[in-house]
Amino acid sequence: MRALLCALALTLGACTGTAIGDPCVPERVPEGGFDPSETYLETGSVDCETRLCMVRHFAGDPRRQCDDGSCPSEREVRERVYCTAACTTDADCPADFVCADIGRGTYCARDLP
């Protein structure tokens, strides 16, 4: 519902969206989930002010919720699925982020071990 309201508000110029590092929910998830060895960039995300939702080094489906231990933790989703923006240097990104080359350009990415 928030995404629908935000999309409507964007057309009216009233939606501020979210900043780099804020959570987002990818609308398209590959069959079988994301591959942790890859970085995915979804454009047109209504959850993000920049319209870019990054899924970086994440395994599975971040939308999946269950109690059997086979699903990703909230912390893991927050650390690896978030709004991003294009950058040219680390200085373009907030603290705890680096300007990373993901193979399709450089974007602010969490600096995780």
N, C-alpha and C. Protein backbone atom coordinates (compact mmCIF):
# COMPACT_ATOMS: atom_id res chain seq x y z
N MET A 1 0.82 -1.18 0.00
CA MET A 1 0.00 0.00 0.00
C MET A 1 0.88 1.26 0.00
N ARG A 2 1.96 1.27 0.84
CA ARG A 2 2.84 2.42 0.90
C ARG A 2 3.44 2.70 -0.47
N ALA A 3 3.84 1.61 -1.16
CA ALA A 3 4.45 1.78 -2.48
C ALA A 3 3.47 2.42 -3.46
N LEU A 4 2.20 2.01 -3.39
CA LEU A 4 1.19 2.58 -4.27
C LEU A 4 0.98 4.06 -3.95
N LEU A 5 0.89 4.38 -2.67
CA LEU A 5 0.72 5.78 -2.27
C LEU A 5 1.93 6.61 -2.67
N CYS A 6 3.12 6.05 -2.50
CA CYS A 6 4.34 6.77 -2.85
C CYS A 6 4.40 7.00 -4.36
N ALA A 7 4.03 5.99 -5.15
CA ALA A 7 4.03 6.15 -6.60
C ALA A 7 3.08 7.26 -7.02
N LEU A 8 1.91 7.31 -6.40
CA LEU A 8 0.95 8.36 -6.69
C LEU A 8 1.51 9.71 -6.26
N ALA A 9 2.12 9.75 -5.07
CA ALA A 9 2.67 11.00 -4.57
C ALA A 9 3.83 11.50 -5.42
N LEU A 10 4.61 10.57 -5.99
CA LEU A 10 5.72 10.97 -6.86
C LEU A 10 5.21 11.76 -8.07
N THR A 11 4.08 11.34 -8.60
CA THR A 11 3.53 12.06 -9.74
C THR A 11 3.08 13.46 -9.35
N LEU A 12 2.78 13.63 -8.07
CA LEU A 12 2.36 14.94 -7.57
C LEU A 12 3.53 15.71 -6.96
N GLY A 13 4.70 15.06 -6.91
CA GLY A 13 5.89 15.70 -6.35
C GLY A 13 5.91 15.75 -4.84
N ALA A 14 5.16 14.87 -4.17
CA ALA A 14 5.05 14.94 -2.72
C ALA A 14 5.76 13.82 -1.97
N CYS A 15 6.32 12.86 -2.65
CA CYS A 15 6.94 11.72 -1.97
C CYS A 15 8.44 11.93 -1.89
N THR A 16 8.98 11.87 -0.68
CA THR A 16 10.41 12.08 -0.52
C THR A 16 11.19 10.78 -0.66
N GLY A 17 10.54 9.62 -0.54
CA GLY A 17 11.24 8.35 -0.68
C GLY A 17 12.18 8.08 0.48
N THR A 18 13.23 7.33 0.22
CA THR A 18 14.17 6.96 1.27
C THR A 18 15.59 7.21 0.82
N ALA A 19 16.48 7.19 1.75
CA ALA A 19 17.88 7.50 1.49
C ALA A 19 18.71 6.24 1.28
N ILE A 20 19.97 6.42 0.86
CA ILE A 20 20.90 5.31 0.67
C ILE A 20 20.99 4.52 1.97
N GLY A 21 20.84 3.22 1.85
CA GLY A 21 20.93 2.34 3.01
C GLY A 21 19.59 2.01 3.63
N ASP A 22 18.55 2.73 3.27
CA ASP A 22 17.23 2.43 3.80
C ASP A 22 16.70 1.15 3.15
N PRO A 23 15.82 0.44 3.82
CA PRO A 23 15.33 -0.82 3.29
C PRO A 23 14.47 -0.65 2.04
N CYS A 24 14.48 -1.66 1.20
CA CYS A 24 13.61 -1.70 0.03
C CYS A 24 13.23 -3.16 -0.20
N VAL A 25 12.18 -3.35 -0.94
CA VAL A 25 11.72 -4.69 -1.26
C VAL A 25 11.77 -4.86 -2.78
N PRO A 26 12.65 -5.72 -3.28
CA PRO A 26 12.70 -5.93 -4.74
C PRO A 26 11.39 -6.52 -5.23
N GLU A 27 10.92 -5.99 -6.34
CA GLU A 27 9.66 -6.49 -6.90
C GLU A 27 9.86 -7.76 -7.69
N ARG A 28 11.06 -7.94 -8.26
CA ARG A 28 11.35 -9.14 -9.04
C ARG A 28 12.46 -9.93 -8.34
N VAL A 29 12.14 -11.17 -8.04
CA VAL A 29 13.11 -12.07 -7.42
C VAL A 29 13.28 -13.25 -8.36
N PRO A 30 14.53 -13.59 -8.70
CA PRO A 30 14.76 -14.74 -9.60
C PRO A 30 14.16 -16.02 -9.02
N GLU A 31 13.73 -16.91 -9.90
CA GLU A 31 13.22 -18.20 -9.45
C GLU A 31 14.32 -18.89 -8.64
N GLY A 32 14.01 -19.32 -7.46
CA GLY A 32 14.99 -19.94 -6.59
C GLY A 32 15.71 -18.94 -5.70
N GLY A 33 15.43 -17.65 -5.88
CA GLY A 33 16.03 -16.62 -5.04
C GLY A 33 17.31 -16.04 -5.62
N PHE A 34 17.87 -15.10 -4.90
CA PHE A 34 19.09 -14.41 -5.34
C PHE A 34 20.32 -15.28 -5.10
N ASP A 35 21.34 -15.08 -5.91
CA ASP A 35 22.61 -15.80 -5.81
C ASP A 35 23.56 -14.94 -4.97
N PRO A 36 24.10 -15.48 -3.87
CA PRO A 36 24.95 -14.68 -2.99
C PRO A 36 26.28 -14.23 -3.61
N SER A 37 26.65 -14.80 -4.74
CA SER A 37 27.91 -14.38 -5.38
C SER A 37 27.70 -13.21 -6.32
N GLU A 38 26.45 -12.74 -6.45
CA GLU A 38 26.15 -11.66 -7.39
C GLU A 38 25.53 -10.45 -6.70
N THR A 39 25.53 -9.34 -7.43
CA THR A 39 24.86 -8.12 -6.98
C THR A 39 23.79 -7.79 -8.01
N TYR A 40 22.59 -7.54 -7.51
CA TYR A 40 21.45 -7.22 -8.37
C TYR A 40 21.06 -5.76 -8.13
N LEU A 41 20.66 -5.09 -9.17
CA LEU A 41 20.24 -3.70 -9.08
C LEU A 41 18.88 -3.57 -9.75
N GLU A 42 17.88 -3.22 -8.96
CA GLU A 42 16.54 -3.04 -9.50
C GLU A 42 16.29 -1.55 -9.69
N THR A 43 15.97 -1.16 -10.90
CA THR A 43 15.67 0.23 -11.19
C THR A 43 14.17 0.45 -11.10
N GLY A 44 13.77 1.66 -10.82
CA GLY A 44 12.36 1.99 -10.74
C GLY A 44 11.71 1.62 -9.42
N SER A 45 12.50 1.36 -8.39
CA SER A 45 11.95 0.97 -7.09
C SER A 45 11.21 2.15 -6.46
N VAL A 46 9.93 1.96 -6.16
CA VAL A 46 9.16 3.03 -5.52
C VAL A 46 9.51 3.16 -4.04
N ASP A 47 10.27 2.21 -3.49
CA ASP A 47 10.69 2.28 -2.09
C ASP A 47 11.86 3.24 -1.90
N CYS A 48 12.55 3.61 -2.98
CA CYS A 48 13.78 4.38 -2.87
C CYS A 48 13.67 5.74 -3.56
N GLU A 49 14.17 6.75 -2.89
CA GLU A 49 14.23 8.09 -3.47
C GLU A 49 15.04 8.07 -4.77
N THR A 50 16.10 7.29 -4.78
CA THR A 50 16.97 7.18 -5.96
C THR A 50 16.40 6.24 -7.02
N ARG A 51 15.34 5.52 -6.66
CA ARG A 51 14.68 4.53 -7.53
C ARG A 51 15.55 3.30 -7.78
N LEU A 52 16.61 3.11 -6.97
CA LEU A 52 17.54 1.98 -7.13
C LEU A 52 17.57 1.13 -5.86
N CYS A 53 17.17 -0.13 -5.99
CA CYS A 53 17.20 -1.08 -4.87
C CYS A 53 18.29 -2.11 -5.18
N MET A 54 19.26 -2.23 -4.28
CA MET A 54 20.39 -3.16 -4.48
C MET A 54 20.22 -4.39 -3.60
N VAL A 55 20.50 -5.55 -4.19
CA VAL A 55 20.56 -6.81 -3.46
C VAL A 55 21.98 -7.30 -3.66
N ARG A 56 22.77 -7.28 -2.58
CA ARG A 56 24.21 -7.56 -2.70
C ARG A 56 24.62 -8.71 -1.80
N HIS A 57 25.16 -9.77 -2.41
CA HIS A 57 25.65 -10.94 -1.69
C HIS A 57 24.59 -11.50 -0.75
N PHE A 58 23.40 -11.70 -1.29
CA PHE A 58 22.27 -12.20 -0.52
C PHE A 58 21.78 -13.49 -1.15
N ALA A 59 21.50 -14.48 -0.33
CA ALA A 59 21.00 -15.77 -0.82
C ALA A 59 19.52 -15.90 -0.51
N GLY A 60 18.74 -16.27 -1.53
CA GLY A 60 17.33 -16.54 -1.30
C GLY A 60 16.41 -15.39 -1.66
N ASP A 61 15.25 -15.40 -1.02
CA ASP A 61 14.20 -14.43 -1.28
C ASP A 61 14.01 -13.58 -0.02
N PRO A 62 14.33 -12.28 -0.07
CA PRO A 62 14.22 -11.44 1.13
C PRO A 62 12.77 -11.23 1.57
N ARG A 63 11.82 -11.56 0.71
CA ARG A 63 10.40 -11.39 1.07
C ARG A 63 9.87 -12.59 1.84
N ARG A 64 10.61 -13.70 1.82
CA ARG A 64 10.15 -14.95 2.45
C ARG A 64 10.30 -14.86 3.96
N GLN A 65 9.24 -15.23 4.65
CA GLN A 65 9.26 -15.24 6.11
C GLN A 65 8.78 -16.60 6.60
N CYS A 66 9.52 -17.16 7.54
CA CYS A 66 9.11 -18.44 8.12
C CYS A 66 9.79 -18.62 9.46
N ASP A 67 9.34 -19.62 10.18
CA ASP A 67 9.85 -19.86 11.52
C ASP A 67 10.71 -21.10 11.64
N ASP A 68 11.05 -21.73 10.53
CA ASP A 68 11.79 -22.98 10.61
C ASP A 68 13.30 -22.81 10.50
N GLY A 69 13.78 -21.56 10.48
CA GLY A 69 15.22 -21.31 10.43
C GLY A 69 15.81 -21.31 9.04
N SER A 70 15.01 -21.60 8.01
CA SER A 70 15.54 -21.65 6.65
C SER A 70 15.44 -20.31 5.93
N CYS A 71 14.90 -19.32 6.59
CA CYS A 71 14.71 -18.01 5.97
C CYS A 71 15.75 -17.02 6.47
N PRO A 72 16.03 -15.99 5.69
CA PRO A 72 17.03 -15.01 6.11
C PRO A 72 16.56 -14.22 7.33
N SER A 73 17.51 -13.81 8.15
CA SER A 73 17.17 -13.00 9.33
C SER A 73 16.90 -11.57 8.89
N GLU A 74 16.17 -10.84 9.72
CA GLU A 74 15.90 -9.42 9.44
C GLU A 74 17.20 -8.65 9.31
N ARG A 75 18.16 -8.96 10.16
CA ARG A 75 19.46 -8.27 10.12
C ARG A 75 20.15 -8.50 8.79
N GLU A 76 20.14 -9.75 8.32
CA GLU A 76 20.79 -10.08 7.05
C GLU A 76 20.12 -9.34 5.90
N VAL A 77 18.80 -9.26 5.92
CA VAL A 77 18.07 -8.54 4.86
C VAL A 77 18.43 -7.06 4.91
N ARG A 78 18.43 -6.45 6.10
CA ARG A 78 18.78 -5.03 6.24
C ARG A 78 20.18 -4.74 5.73
N GLU A 79 21.12 -5.64 5.99
CA GLU A 79 22.52 -5.42 5.60
C GLU A 79 22.76 -5.62 4.11
N ARG A 80 21.92 -6.40 3.44
CA ARG A 80 22.22 -6.80 2.07
C ARG A 80 21.18 -6.40 1.02
N VAL A 81 20.05 -5.81 1.45
CA VAL A 81 19.00 -5.37 0.53
C VAL A 81 18.62 -3.94 0.94
N TYR A 82 18.97 -2.96 0.08
CA TYR A 82 18.78 -1.56 0.48
C TYR A 82 18.80 -0.62 -0.71
N CYS A 83 18.36 0.60 -0.46
CA CYS A 83 18.38 1.64 -1.49
C CYS A 83 19.83 2.08 -1.71
N THR A 84 20.15 2.41 -2.95
CA THR A 84 21.50 2.83 -3.30
C THR A 84 21.45 3.98 -4.30
N ALA A 85 22.61 4.44 -4.70
CA ALA A 85 22.73 5.50 -5.70
C ALA A 85 24.06 5.34 -6.42
N ALA A 86 24.13 5.88 -7.62
CA ALA A 86 25.38 5.87 -8.37
C ALA A 86 26.40 6.75 -7.64
N CYS A 87 27.67 6.43 -7.81
CA CYS A 87 28.74 7.19 -7.17
C CYS A 87 29.98 7.16 -8.04
N THR A 88 30.94 8.03 -7.72
CA THR A 88 32.23 8.01 -8.42
C THR A 88 33.37 7.76 -7.45
N THR A 89 33.19 8.13 -6.16
CA THR A 89 34.20 7.88 -5.12
C THR A 89 33.49 7.52 -3.82
N ASP A 90 34.25 6.99 -2.87
CA ASP A 90 33.69 6.65 -1.56
C ASP A 90 33.08 7.88 -0.88
N ALA A 91 33.59 9.06 -1.17
CA ALA A 91 33.08 10.29 -0.56
C ALA A 91 31.64 10.59 -0.97
N ASP A 92 31.19 10.00 -2.07
CA ASP A 92 29.81 10.18 -2.53
C ASP A 92 28.80 9.36 -1.72
N CYS A 93 29.32 8.45 -0.90
CA CYS A 93 28.47 7.51 -0.16
C CYS A 93 28.48 7.83 1.33
N PRO A 94 27.42 7.43 2.05
CA PRO A 94 27.39 7.64 3.50
C PRO A 94 28.41 6.76 4.22
N ALA A 95 28.59 7.02 5.50
CA ALA A 95 29.49 6.21 6.34
C ALA A 95 29.07 4.75 6.25
N ASP A 96 30.02 3.84 6.36
CA ASP A 96 29.81 2.40 6.28
C ASP A 96 29.45 1.91 4.88
N PHE A 97 29.60 2.77 3.87
CA PHE A 97 29.37 2.40 2.48
C PHE A 97 30.62 2.72 1.68
N VAL A 98 30.82 1.98 0.61
CA VAL A 98 31.90 2.25 -0.33
C VAL A 98 31.31 2.41 -1.72
N CYS A 99 32.05 3.04 -2.59
CA CYS A 99 31.65 3.16 -3.98
C CYS A 99 32.17 1.91 -4.69
N ALA A 100 31.28 0.96 -4.96
CA ALA A 100 31.67 -0.35 -5.47
C ALA A 100 31.31 -0.51 -6.94
N ASP A 101 32.22 -1.10 -7.70
CA ASP A 101 31.97 -1.44 -9.10
C ASP A 101 31.22 -2.76 -9.11
N ILE A 102 29.98 -2.75 -9.56
CA ILE A 102 29.19 -3.97 -9.58
C ILE A 102 29.11 -4.59 -10.98
N GLY A 103 29.94 -4.09 -11.89
CA GLY A 103 29.97 -4.63 -13.24
C GLY A 103 29.07 -3.89 -14.21
N ARG A 104 28.16 -3.08 -13.69
CA ARG A 104 27.27 -2.28 -14.53
C ARG A 104 27.33 -0.82 -14.09
N GLY A 105 28.45 -0.44 -13.52
CA GLY A 105 28.62 0.90 -12.99
C GLY A 105 29.04 0.83 -11.53
N THR A 106 29.22 2.01 -10.93
CA THR A 106 29.62 2.07 -9.52
C THR A 106 28.48 2.64 -8.70
N TYR A 107 28.23 1.98 -7.57
CA TYR A 107 27.10 2.32 -6.70
C TYR A 107 27.53 2.22 -5.24
N CYS A 108 26.87 2.99 -4.38
CA CYS A 108 27.13 2.93 -2.95
C CYS A 108 26.68 1.57 -2.44
N ALA A 109 27.60 0.85 -1.79
CA ALA A 109 27.32 -0.49 -1.26
C ALA A 109 27.86 -0.59 0.16
N ARG A 110 27.14 -1.32 0.99
CA ARG A 110 27.61 -1.53 2.37
C ARG A 110 29.00 -2.17 2.32
N ASP A 111 29.86 -1.70 3.21
CA ASP A 111 31.22 -2.23 3.32
C ASP A 111 31.18 -3.41 4.30
N LEU A 112 30.81 -4.58 3.80
CA LEU A 112 30.70 -5.78 4.64
C LEU A 112 31.92 -6.67 4.45
N PRO A 113 32.28 -7.42 5.50
CA PRO A 113 33.42 -8.33 5.38
C PRO A 113 33.15 -9.45 4.40
